[in-house]
Amino acid sequence: MTTQEQIAAFLTGKRFAVVGASQDRGKYGNKVLRVYMQNNRDVVPINPTAAEVEGLTAYPDLASAPGEFDGVSIITPPKVTERVVGDALARGIKNIWMQPGAESASAIEAARAAGANVIAGGPCILVALRYHE
């Protein structure tokens, strides 16, 4: 599959989690959450220290967030990404987008070995969904 096909497959999902969602509007973790919101996507922020981000209820980790997710965007340091990918795979999430800077070779390998659609080392979702301030 090409990267564009991977992105198209990712975006067919109905519900998404943003791991690393930030309350700071200047950070990518906030912008990624907002680009989902700008595109009227059902999105849930994951942040270990915030009760809410951009008016949405936040959860400390993927394991504690209710419901099913079709995809997860990850904006965390690579070492954290490894744990997040494990959590995503445990929940049966098959679409994983590691935003630039979040990539971990072992996390990419683990996700691909589990049959997940992994987007990493390439474009940012802010470009794919046309983020605007």
Foldseek 3Di string as FASTA:
>chain_A
DDLVVLVVQLVVWQEEEEEPQDQPCVDPSVLVQVLCVVVVGHYEYADLPDCDHPPHGYHPAPVPDDDATQEYEYDDAQVVLQVNLVSCVVRVHQRYEYAPRNDDPVSVVVSVVSVHSYHPPDDGVCVVSVGDD
